[in-house]
Amino acid sequence: MKVSQIVFSPTGGTGKVAEIVANAFSMPISKIDLSNAKTDYSSLYLTKDDIAIIAVPSYGGRVPGLATQRISNIHADQTLCIIICVYGNRAYEDTLIELKDIAEKSGFKVIAAIAAIAEHSIMHQYAAGRPDAKDQNELNGFAAKILEKISGNSGNISIPQVPGNRPYKHMGTASLVPKAGNHCTSCGYCAEQCPAEAINQENLKVADSKKCISCMRCVVQCPQSARKVNGALVSVAALAIKKACSTRKENELFI
């Protein structure tokens, strides 16, 4: 038995959470990076002998559209699955229930769900440094409870109830589109790394606003730290969610 770690984590926060949970299972791990635009996800098949961890960030209370498309192309045969949504200390709203629906439609059997916190990918002052040591201890404890559930109910594992609403909340559009400044050397690495293929190798300075999902991968990955988003717009957005982010949110397990 192995753990298939299926993760959409453009800036790394969701990946850190998924890594903590996966490592706690003490099993061989295979990784599927949903941020990779070049992967043929329809060629991926998971069996009943696997355990899957599907982890995505919450974008405005929803599953990112690209993650939805790519998970939907994966084939599973009632593969036991732990779903994880990761958010930047504001709220995850309909992300978990949407992710559960997506996973089940692809043939996964969702046996547990986790809502976890990681540093906000744009407003880094919110949930700064998370997941931290306290988070890691909690997530390790969650993994232990999930393993206990699997080993104690191998014949008939119950499906958890997760929070959220159907129909899901309206999906907003990306409004913070990174641009390259004077430090850009036109190396093209941002275009190679963009999950949405929103950056053209022939015009590296500006991303296609119709394709960009404001994931900030290009900002984090740029070797010259040349890509930025509009600071004034970020300040306005940060102020709008300040109250919601003012107290520490805790990780949650649904089992």
C-alpha atoms as a PDB file:
ATOM      1  CA  MET A   1       0.000   0.000   0.000  1.00  0.00           C
ATOM      2  CA  LYS A   2       1.244   3.480  -0.843  1.00  0.00           C
ATOM      3  CA  VAL A   3       0.090   7.052  -0.365  1.00  0.00           C
ATOM      4  CA  SER A   4      -0.616   9.039  -3.537  1.00  0.00           C
ATOM      5  CA  GLN A   5      -0.122  12.710  -2.682  1.00  0.00           C
ATOM      6  CA  ILE A   6      -2.221  14.725  -5.162  1.00  0.00           C
ATOM      7  CA  VAL A   7      -1.565  18.397  -4.539  1.00  0.00           C
ATOM      8  CA  PHE A   8      -2.284  21.777  -6.098  1.00  0.00           C
ATOM      9  CA  SER A   9       0.148  24.085  -4.309  1.00  0.00           C
ATOM     10  CA  PRO A  10       1.459  26.942  -6.472  1.00  0.00           C
ATOM     11  CA  THR A  11       3.284  28.696  -3.613  1.00  0.00           C
ATOM     12  CA  GLY A  12       4.016  25.740  -1.323  1.00  0.00           C
ATOM     13  CA  GLY A  13       1.707  26.255   1.671  1.00  0.00           C
ATOM     14  CA  THR A  14      -0.766  23.541   0.718  1.00  0.00           C
ATOM     15  CA  GLY A  15       2.134  21.258  -0.121  1.00  0.00           C
ATOM     16  CA  LYS A  16       3.576  21.667   3.387  1.00  0.00           C
ATOM     17  CA  VAL A  17       0.287  20.611   4.971  1.00  0.00           C
ATOM     18  CA  ALA A  18      -0.092  17.619   2.641  1.00  0.00           C
ATOM     19  CA  GLU A  19       3.510  16.594   3.315  1.00  0.00           C
ATOM     20  CA  ILE A  20       2.976  16.581   7.095  1.00  0.00           C
ATOM     21  CA  VAL A  21      -0.109  14.383   6.797  1.00  0.00           C
ATOM     22  CA  ALA A  22       1.433  12.025   4.222  1.00  0.00           C
ATOM     23  CA  ASN A  23       4.654  11.543   6.199  1.00  0.00           C
ATOM     24  CA  ALA A  24       2.649  10.632   9.307  1.00  0.00           C
ATOM     25  CA  PHE A  25       1.298   7.566   7.469  1.00  0.00           C
ATOM     26  CA  SER A  26       4.803   6.035   7.301  1.00  0.00           C
ATOM     27  CA  MET A  27       4.144   4.511   3.882  1.00  0.00           C
ATOM     28  CA  PRO A  28       5.810   4.913   0.476  1.00  0.00           C
ATOM     29  CA  ILE A  29       4.650   8.171  -1.144  1.00  0.00           C
ATOM     30  CA  SER A  30       4.098   8.981  -4.806  1.00  0.00           C
ATOM     31  CA  LYS A  31       3.505  12.612  -5.726  1.00  0.00           C
ATOM     32  CA  ILE A  32       1.195  14.090  -8.326  1.00  0.00           C
ATOM     33  CA  ASP A  33       1.719  17.828  -8.801  1.00  0.00           C
ATOM     34  CA  LEU A  34      -1.544  19.388  -9.977  1.00  0.00           C
ATOM     35  CA  SER A  35       0.325  22.646 -10.629  1.00  0.00           C
ATOM     36  CA  ASN A  36       2.094  21.074 -13.609  1.00  0.00           C
ATOM     37  CA  ALA A  37       0.321  22.131 -16.799  1.00  0.00           C
ATOM     38  CA  LYS A  38       2.249  19.572 -18.868  1.00  0.00           C
ATOM     39  CA  THR A  39       1.022  16.413 -17.102  1.00  0.00           C
ATOM     40  CA  ASP A  40      -1.530  14.186 -18.815  1.00  0.00           C
ATOM     41  CA  TYR A  41      -3.788  13.595 -15.806  1.00  0.00           C
ATOM     42  CA  SER A  42      -6.113  11.314 -17.765  1.00  0.00           C
ATOM     43  CA  SER A  43      -3.294   8.745 -17.864  1.00  0.00           C
ATOM     44  CA  LEU A  44      -3.253   8.424 -14.055  1.00  0.00           C
ATOM     45  CA  TYR A  45      -5.003   5.448 -12.446  1.00  0.00           C
ATOM     46  CA  LEU A  46      -5.297   4.707  -8.723  1.00  0.00           C
ATOM     47  CA  THR A  47      -6.449   1.375  -7.307  1.00  0.00           C
ATOM     48  CA  LYS A  48      -8.246   0.150  -4.193  1.00  0.00           C
ATOM     49  CA  ASP A  49      -4.852  -0.682  -2.713  1.00  0.00           C
ATOM     50  CA  ASP A  50      -3.812   2.980  -2.653  1.00  0.00           C
ATOM     51  CA  ILE A  51      -4.559   5.728  -0.167  1.00  0.00           C
ATOM     52  CA  ALA A  52      -4.899   9.176  -1.735  1.00  0.00           C
ATOM     53  CA  ILE A  53      -4.399  12.571  -0.165  1.00  0.00           C
ATOM     54  CA  ILE A  54      -5.934  15.306  -2.307  1.00  0.00           C
ATOM     55  CA  ALA A  55      -4.967  18.788  -1.132  1.00  0.00           C
ATOM     56  CA  VAL A  56      -5.918  22.159  -2.617  1.00  0.00           C
ATOM     57  CA  PRO A  57      -5.900  25.775  -1.454  1.00  0.00           C
ATOM     58  CA  SER A  58      -9.161  27.633  -0.977  1.00  0.00           C
ATOM     59  CA  TYR A  59      -9.487  30.433  -3.536  1.00  0.00           C
ATOM     60  CA  GLY A  60     -12.296  32.700  -2.412  1.00  0.00           C
ATOM     61  CA  GLY A  61     -14.046  29.807  -0.682  1.00  0.00           C
ATOM     62  CA  ARG A  62     -13.865  27.470  -3.711  1.00  0.00           C
ATOM     63  CA  VAL A  63     -11.602  24.846  -5.246  1.00  0.00           C
ATOM     64  CA  PRO A  64      -9.344  26.450  -7.885  1.00  0.00           C
ATOM     65  CA  GLY A  65     -10.766  25.737 -11.329  1.00  0.00           C
ATOM     66  CA  LEU A  66      -7.521  24.242 -12.636  1.00  0.00           C
ATOM     67  CA  ALA A  67      -7.406  21.804  -9.719  1.00  0.00           C
ATOM     68  CA  THR A  68     -11.002  20.802 -10.426  1.00  0.00           C
ATOM     69  CA  GLN A  69     -10.210  20.038 -14.065  1.00  0.00           C
ATOM     70  CA  ARG A  70      -7.093  18.036 -13.284  1.00  0.00           C
ATOM     71  CA  ILE A  71      -8.543  15.981 -10.419  1.00  0.00           C
ATOM     72  CA  SER A  72     -11.575  15.223 -12.590  1.00  0.00           C
ATOM     73  CA  ASN A  73      -9.287  13.650 -15.210  1.00  0.00           C
ATOM     74  CA  ILE A  74      -7.689  11.220 -12.749  1.00  0.00           C
ATOM     75  CA  HIS A  75      -9.179   7.707 -12.627  1.00  0.00           C
ATOM     76  CA  ALA A  76      -9.733   6.065  -9.236  1.00  0.00           C
ATOM     77  CA  ASP A  77     -11.322   2.743  -8.319  1.00  0.00           C
ATOM     78  CA  GLN A  78     -12.910   3.503  -4.943  1.00  0.00           C
ATOM     79  CA  THR A  79      -9.483   4.561  -3.717  1.00  0.00           C
ATOM     80  CA  LEU A  80      -9.595   5.582  -0.052  1.00  0.00           C
ATOM     81  CA  CYS A  81      -9.093   9.334   0.047  1.00  0.00           C
ATOM     82  CA  ILE A  82      -8.362  12.093   2.545  1.00  0.00           C
ATOM     83  CA  ILE A  83      -9.274  15.534   1.224  1.00  0.00           C
ATOM     84  CA  ILE A  84      -7.544  18.659   2.517  1.00  0.00           C
ATOM     85  CA  CYS A  85      -8.362  22.303   1.911  1.00  0.00           C
ATOM     86  CA  VAL A  86      -5.828  24.891   3.025  1.00  0.00           C
ATOM     87  CA  TYR A  87      -6.655  28.543   3.583  1.00  0.00           C
ATOM     88  CA  GLY A  88      -4.933  31.707   4.744  1.00  0.00           C
ATOM     89  CA  ASN A  89      -6.846  32.202   8.027  1.00  0.00           C
ATOM     90  CA  ARG A  90      -9.939  33.896   6.525  1.00  0.00           C
ATOM     91  CA  ALA A  91     -12.480  31.155   5.657  1.00  0.00           C
ATOM     92  CA  TYR A  92     -12.761  28.106   3.421  1.00  0.00           C
ATOM     93  CA  GLU A  93     -16.541  28.296   2.898  1.00  0.00           C
ATOM     94  CA  ASP A  94     -17.562  25.744   0.218  1.00  0.00           C
ATOM     95  CA  THR A  95     -14.084  24.416  -0.610  1.00  0.00           C
ATOM     96  CA  LEU A  96     -14.294  21.151   1.313  1.00  0.00           C
ATOM     97  CA  ILE A  97     -17.715  20.090   0.123  1.00  0.00           C
ATOM     98  CA  GLU A  98     -16.824  20.955  -3.462  1.00  0.00           C
ATOM     99  CA  LEU A  99     -13.571  18.999  -3.206  1.00  0.00           C
ATOM    100  CA  LYS A 100     -15.478  16.020  -1.782  1.00  0.00           C
ATOM    101  CA  ASP A 101     -17.905  16.117  -4.719  1.00  0.00           C
ATOM    102  CA  ILE A 102     -15.055  16.349  -7.246  1.00  0.00           C
ATOM    103  CA  ALA A 103     -13.139  13.469  -5.654  1.00  0.00           C
ATOM    104  CA  GLU A 104     -16.145  11.181  -5.456  1.00  0.00           C
ATOM    105  CA  LYS A 105     -17.059  11.882  -9.077  1.00  0.00           C
ATOM    106  CA  SER A 106     -13.562  10.713 -10.081  1.00  0.00           C
ATOM    107  CA  GLY A 107     -13.985   7.433  -8.206  1.00  0.00           C
ATOM    108  CA  PHE A 108     -12.361   8.225  -4.870  1.00  0.00           C
ATOM    109  CA  LYS A 109     -13.951   7.171  -1.574  1.00  0.00           C
ATOM    110  CA  VAL A 110     -13.589  10.100   0.825  1.00  0.00           C
ATOM    111  CA  ILE A 111     -13.027   8.793   4.349  1.00  0.00           C
ATOM    112  CA  ALA A 112     -11.765  11.952   6.068  1.00  0.00           C
ATOM    113  CA  ALA A 113     -11.473  15.682   5.471  1.00  0.00           C
ATOM    114  CA  ILE A 114      -9.159  18.318   6.890  1.00  0.00           C
ATOM    115  CA  ALA A 115      -9.333  22.099   6.828  1.00  0.00           C
ATOM    116  CA  ALA A 116      -5.888  23.499   7.612  1.00  0.00           C
ATOM    117  CA  ILE A 117      -4.146  26.852   7.786  1.00  0.00           C
ATOM    118  CA  ALA A 118      -1.094  28.065   5.878  1.00  0.00           C
ATOM    119  CA  GLU A 119       0.413  31.492   5.350  1.00  0.00           C
ATOM    120  CA  HIS A 120      -1.693  33.576   2.999  1.00  0.00           C
ATOM    121  CA  SER A 121      -0.154  33.430  -0.481  1.00  0.00           C
ATOM    122  CA  ILE A 122      -0.687  37.162  -1.170  1.00  0.00           C
ATOM    123  CA  MET A 123      -1.166  38.916   2.192  1.00  0.00           C
ATOM    124  CA  HIS A 124       1.690  37.220   4.025  1.00  0.00           C
ATOM    125  CA  GLN A 125       0.941  38.944   7.331  1.00  0.00           C
ATOM    126  CA  TYR A 126      -2.034  36.622   7.734  1.00  0.00           C
ATOM    127  CA  ALA A 127      -1.158  33.190   9.175  1.00  0.00           C
ATOM    128  CA  ALA A 128       2.529  34.092   8.858  1.00  0.00           C
ATOM    129  CA  GLY A 129       4.802  31.107   9.412  1.00  0.00           C
ATOM    130  CA  ARG A 130       2.035  28.545   9.351  1.00  0.00           C
ATOM    131  CA  PRO A 131       1.860  25.610   9.379  1.00  0.00           C
ATOM    132  CA  ASP A 132       3.902  25.971  12.568  1.00  0.00           C
ATOM    133  CA  ALA A 133       4.933  23.456  15.237  1.00  0.00           C
ATOM    134  CA  LYS A 134       1.474  23.492  16.833  1.00  0.00           C
ATOM    135  CA  ASP A 135      -0.129  22.845  13.453  1.00  0.00           C
ATOM    136  CA  GLN A 136       2.253  19.980  12.772  1.00  0.00           C
ATOM    137  CA  ASN A 137       1.356  18.293  16.057  1.00  0.00           C
ATOM    138  CA  GLU A 138      -2.357  18.675  15.305  1.00  0.00           C
ATOM    139  CA  LEU A 139      -1.997  17.329  11.767  1.00  0.00           C
ATOM    140  CA  ASN A 140       0.020  14.359  13.002  1.00  0.00           C
ATOM    141  CA  GLY A 141      -2.776  13.668  15.467  1.00  0.00           C
ATOM    142  CA  PHE A 142      -5.345  13.872  12.656  1.00  0.00           C
ATOM    143  CA  ALA A 143      -3.348  11.359  10.606  1.00  0.00           C
ATOM    144  CA  ALA A 144      -3.227   8.958  13.554  1.00  0.00           C
ATOM    145  CA  LYS A 145      -7.017   9.111  13.920  1.00  0.00           C
ATOM    146  CA  ILE A 146      -7.488   8.510  10.191  1.00  0.00           C
ATOM    147  CA  LEU A 147      -5.171   5.487  10.263  1.00  0.00           C
ATOM    148  CA  GLU A 148      -7.071   4.144  13.241  1.00  0.00           C
ATOM    149  CA  LYS A 149     -10.315   4.530  11.309  1.00  0.00           C
ATOM    150  CA  ILE A 150      -8.892   2.682   8.310  1.00  0.00           C
ATOM    151  CA  SER A 151      -7.404  -0.196  10.294  1.00  0.00           C
ATOM    152  CA  GLY A 152     -10.459  -0.604  12.511  1.00  0.00           C
ATOM    153  CA  ASN A 153     -13.070  -0.532   9.740  1.00  0.00           C
ATOM    154  CA  SER A 154     -11.397  -2.017   6.700  1.00  0.00           C
ATOM    155  CA  GLY A 155     -14.633  -3.621   5.500  1.00  0.00           C
ATOM    156  CA  ASN A 156     -17.025  -0.707   5.927  1.00  0.00           C
ATOM    157  CA  ILE A 157     -15.532   2.766   6.302  1.00  0.00           C
ATOM    158  CA  SER A 158     -18.022   5.565   6.909  1.00  0.00           C
ATOM    159  CA  ILE A 159     -18.171   8.736   4.826  1.00  0.00           C
ATOM    160  CA  PRO A 160     -17.712  11.976   6.819  1.00  0.00           C
ATOM    161  CA  GLN A 161     -20.046  14.939   6.726  1.00  0.00           C
ATOM    162  CA  VAL A 162     -18.208  18.108   5.698  1.00  0.00           C
ATOM    163  CA  PRO A 163     -19.296  21.757   5.933  1.00  0.00           C
ATOM    164  CA  GLY A 164     -20.317  23.826   2.936  1.00  0.00           C
ATOM    165  CA  ASN A 165     -23.242  24.586   0.697  1.00  0.00           C
ATOM    166  CA  ARG A 166     -24.681  23.381  -2.591  1.00  0.00           C
ATOM    167  CA  PRO A 167     -24.921  25.237  -4.874  1.00  0.00           C
ATOM    168  CA  TYR A 168     -21.431  26.521  -4.153  1.00  0.00           C
ATOM    169  CA  LYS A 169     -20.749  30.211  -3.717  1.00  0.00           C
ATOM    170  CA  HIS A 170     -20.018  32.279  -6.818  1.00  0.00           C
ATOM    171  CA  MET A 171     -16.472  31.907  -8.116  1.00  0.00           C
ATOM    172  CA  GLY A 172     -14.797  35.310  -8.454  1.00  0.00           C
ATOM    173  CA  THR A 173     -12.278  36.214 -11.138  1.00  0.00           C
ATOM    174  CA  ALA A 174      -8.577  36.893 -10.679  1.00  0.00           C
ATOM    175  CA  SER A 175      -7.900  40.570 -10.030  1.00  0.00           C
ATOM    176  CA  LEU A 176      -4.256  40.535  -8.915  1.00  0.00           C
ATOM    177  CA  VAL A 177      -2.190  39.781 -11.996  1.00  0.00           C
ATOM    178  CA  PRO A 178       1.602  39.862 -11.441  1.00  0.00           C
ATOM    179  CA  LYS A 179       3.847  41.874 -13.737  1.00  0.00           C
ATOM    180  CA  ALA A 180       7.612  41.858 -14.225  1.00  0.00           C
ATOM    181  CA  GLY A 181       9.699  44.868 -13.223  1.00  0.00           C
ATOM    182  CA  ASN A 182      13.139  46.102 -14.195  1.00  0.00           C
ATOM    183  CA  HIS A 183      14.938  43.172 -12.576  1.00  0.00           C
ATOM    184  CA  CYS A 184      13.435  40.730 -15.095  1.00  0.00           C
ATOM    185  CA  THR A 185      16.160  39.020 -17.159  1.00  0.00           C
ATOM    186  CA  SER A 186      13.689  37.313 -19.535  1.00  0.00           C
ATOM    187  CA  CYS A 187      14.872  33.874 -18.415  1.00  0.00           C
ATOM    188  CA  GLY A 188      11.383  32.455 -19.028  1.00  0.00           C
ATOM    189  CA  TYR A 189      11.244  30.449 -15.801  1.00  0.00           C
ATOM    190  CA  CYS A 190       7.929  32.057 -14.822  1.00  0.00           C
ATOM    191  CA  ALA A 191       6.349  30.853 -18.066  1.00  0.00           C
ATOM    192  CA  GLU A 192       7.648  27.330 -17.491  1.00  0.00           C
ATOM    193  CA  GLN A 193       6.256  27.235 -13.950  1.00  0.00           C
ATOM    194  CA  CYS A 194       2.855  28.905 -14.488  1.00  0.00           C
ATOM    195  CA  PRO A 195       0.076  26.367 -13.713  1.00  0.00           C
ATOM    196  CA  ALA A 196      -2.356  28.234 -15.981  1.00  0.00           C
ATOM    197  CA  GLU A 197       0.088  28.788 -18.864  1.00  0.00           C
ATOM    198  CA  ALA A 198      -0.813  32.466 -18.595  1.00  0.00           C
ATOM    199  CA  ILE A 199       2.688  33.764 -19.397  1.00  0.00           C
ATOM    200  CA  ASN A 200       3.876  33.743 -22.997  1.00  0.00           C
ATOM    201  CA  GLN A 201       7.569  33.115 -23.646  1.00  0.00           C
ATOM    202  CA  GLU A 202       7.415  35.858 -26.274  1.00  0.00           C
ATOM    203  CA  ASN A 203       5.947  38.409 -23.836  1.00  0.00           C
ATOM    204  CA  LEU A 204       7.180  37.607 -20.348  1.00  0.00           C
ATOM    205  CA  LYS A 205       6.506  40.953 -18.717  1.00  0.00           C
ATOM    206  CA  VAL A 206       2.728  40.648 -18.332  1.00  0.00           C
ATOM    207  CA  ALA A 207       0.521  37.602 -17.714  1.00  0.00           C
ATOM    208  CA  ASP A 208      -2.678  37.023 -19.674  1.00  0.00           C
ATOM    209  CA  SER A 209      -5.362  38.362 -17.335  1.00  0.00           C
ATOM    210  CA  LYS A 210      -7.932  35.978 -18.848  1.00  0.00           C
ATOM    211  CA  LYS A 211      -5.830  32.948 -17.926  1.00  0.00           C
ATOM    212  CA  CYS A 212      -4.097  34.133 -14.739  1.00  0.00           C
ATOM    213  CA  ILE A 213      -5.617  32.714 -11.537  1.00  0.00           C
ATOM    214  CA  SER A 214      -3.610  34.962  -9.154  1.00  0.00           C
ATOM    215  CA  CYS A 215      -1.909  31.912  -7.658  1.00  0.00           C
ATOM    216  CA  MET A 216       1.375  33.849  -7.180  1.00  0.00           C
ATOM    217  CA  ARG A 217       3.566  30.954  -8.305  1.00  0.00           C
ATOM    218  CA  CYS A 218       5.486  33.207 -10.698  1.00  0.00           C
ATOM    219  CA  VAL A 219       6.099  35.710  -7.892  1.00  0.00           C
ATOM    220  CA  VAL A 220       7.487  33.024  -5.579  1.00  0.00           C
ATOM    221  CA  GLN A 221       9.470  31.154  -8.230  1.00  0.00           C
ATOM    222  CA  CYS A 222      11.107  34.094 -10.049  1.00  0.00           C
ATOM    223  CA  PRO A 223      14.911  33.773  -9.530  1.00  0.00           C
ATOM    224  CA  GLN A 224      15.294  37.573  -9.646  1.00  0.00           C
ATOM    225  CA  SER A 225      12.236  38.403  -7.477  1.00  0.00           C
ATOM    226  CA  ALA A 226      11.173  40.535 -10.430  1.00  0.00           C
ATOM    227  CA  ARG A 227       7.468  39.734 -10.524  1.00  0.00           C
ATOM    228  CA  LYS A 228       5.067  41.679  -8.309  1.00  0.00           C
ATOM    229  CA  VAL A 229       1.394  42.501  -7.950  1.00  0.00           C
ATOM    230  CA  ASN A 230       0.000  46.011  -7.530  1.00  0.00           C
ATOM    231  CA  GLY A 231       0.826  47.026  -3.956  1.00  0.00           C
ATOM    232  CA  ALA A 232      -2.117  49.390  -3.630  1.00  0.00           C
ATOM    233  CA  LEU A 233      -4.575  46.677  -4.653  1.00  0.00           C
ATOM    234  CA  VAL A 234      -3.005  44.243  -2.193  1.00  0.00           C
ATOM    235  CA  SER A 235      -3.349  46.815   0.620  1.00  0.00           C
ATOM    236  CA  VAL A 236      -7.028  47.301  -0.175  1.00  0.00           C
ATOM    237  CA  ALA A 237      -7.615  43.540  -0.250  1.00  0.00           C
ATOM    238  CA  ALA A 238      -5.715  43.054   3.020  1.00  0.00           C
ATOM    239  CA  LEU A 239      -7.799  45.713   4.745  1.00  0.00           C
ATOM    240  CA  ALA A 240     -11.019  44.093   3.518  1.00  0.00           C
ATOM    241  CA  ILE A 241     -10.214  40.771   5.198  1.00  0.00           C
ATOM    242  CA  LYS A 242      -8.368  42.120   8.245  1.00  0.00           C
ATOM    243  CA  LYS A 243     -11.233  41.535  10.682  1.00  0.00           C
ATOM    244  CA  ALA A 244     -11.824  37.979   9.468  1.00  0.00           C
ATOM    245  CA  CYS A 245      -8.118  37.199   9.782  1.00  0.00           C
ATOM    246  CA  SER A 246      -7.506  38.905  13.125  1.00  0.00           C
ATOM    247  CA  THR A 247      -7.766  35.761  15.276  1.00  0.00           C
ATOM    248  CA  ARG A 248      -5.923  32.491  14.836  1.00  0.00           C
ATOM    249  CA  LYS A 249      -8.056  29.855  13.112  1.00  0.00           C
ATOM    250  CA  GLU A 250      -7.502  26.238  14.077  1.00  0.00           C
ATOM    251  CA  ASN A 251      -7.182  23.133  11.942  1.00  0.00           C
ATOM    252  CA  GLU A 252     -10.265  20.902  11.710  1.00  0.00           C
ATOM    253  CA  LEU A 253     -10.757  17.207  11.145  1.00  0.00           C
ATOM    254  CA  PHE A 254     -13.974  15.686   9.791  1.00  0.00           C
ATOM    255  CA  ILE A 255     -14.009  11.918  10.243  1.00  0.00           C
END
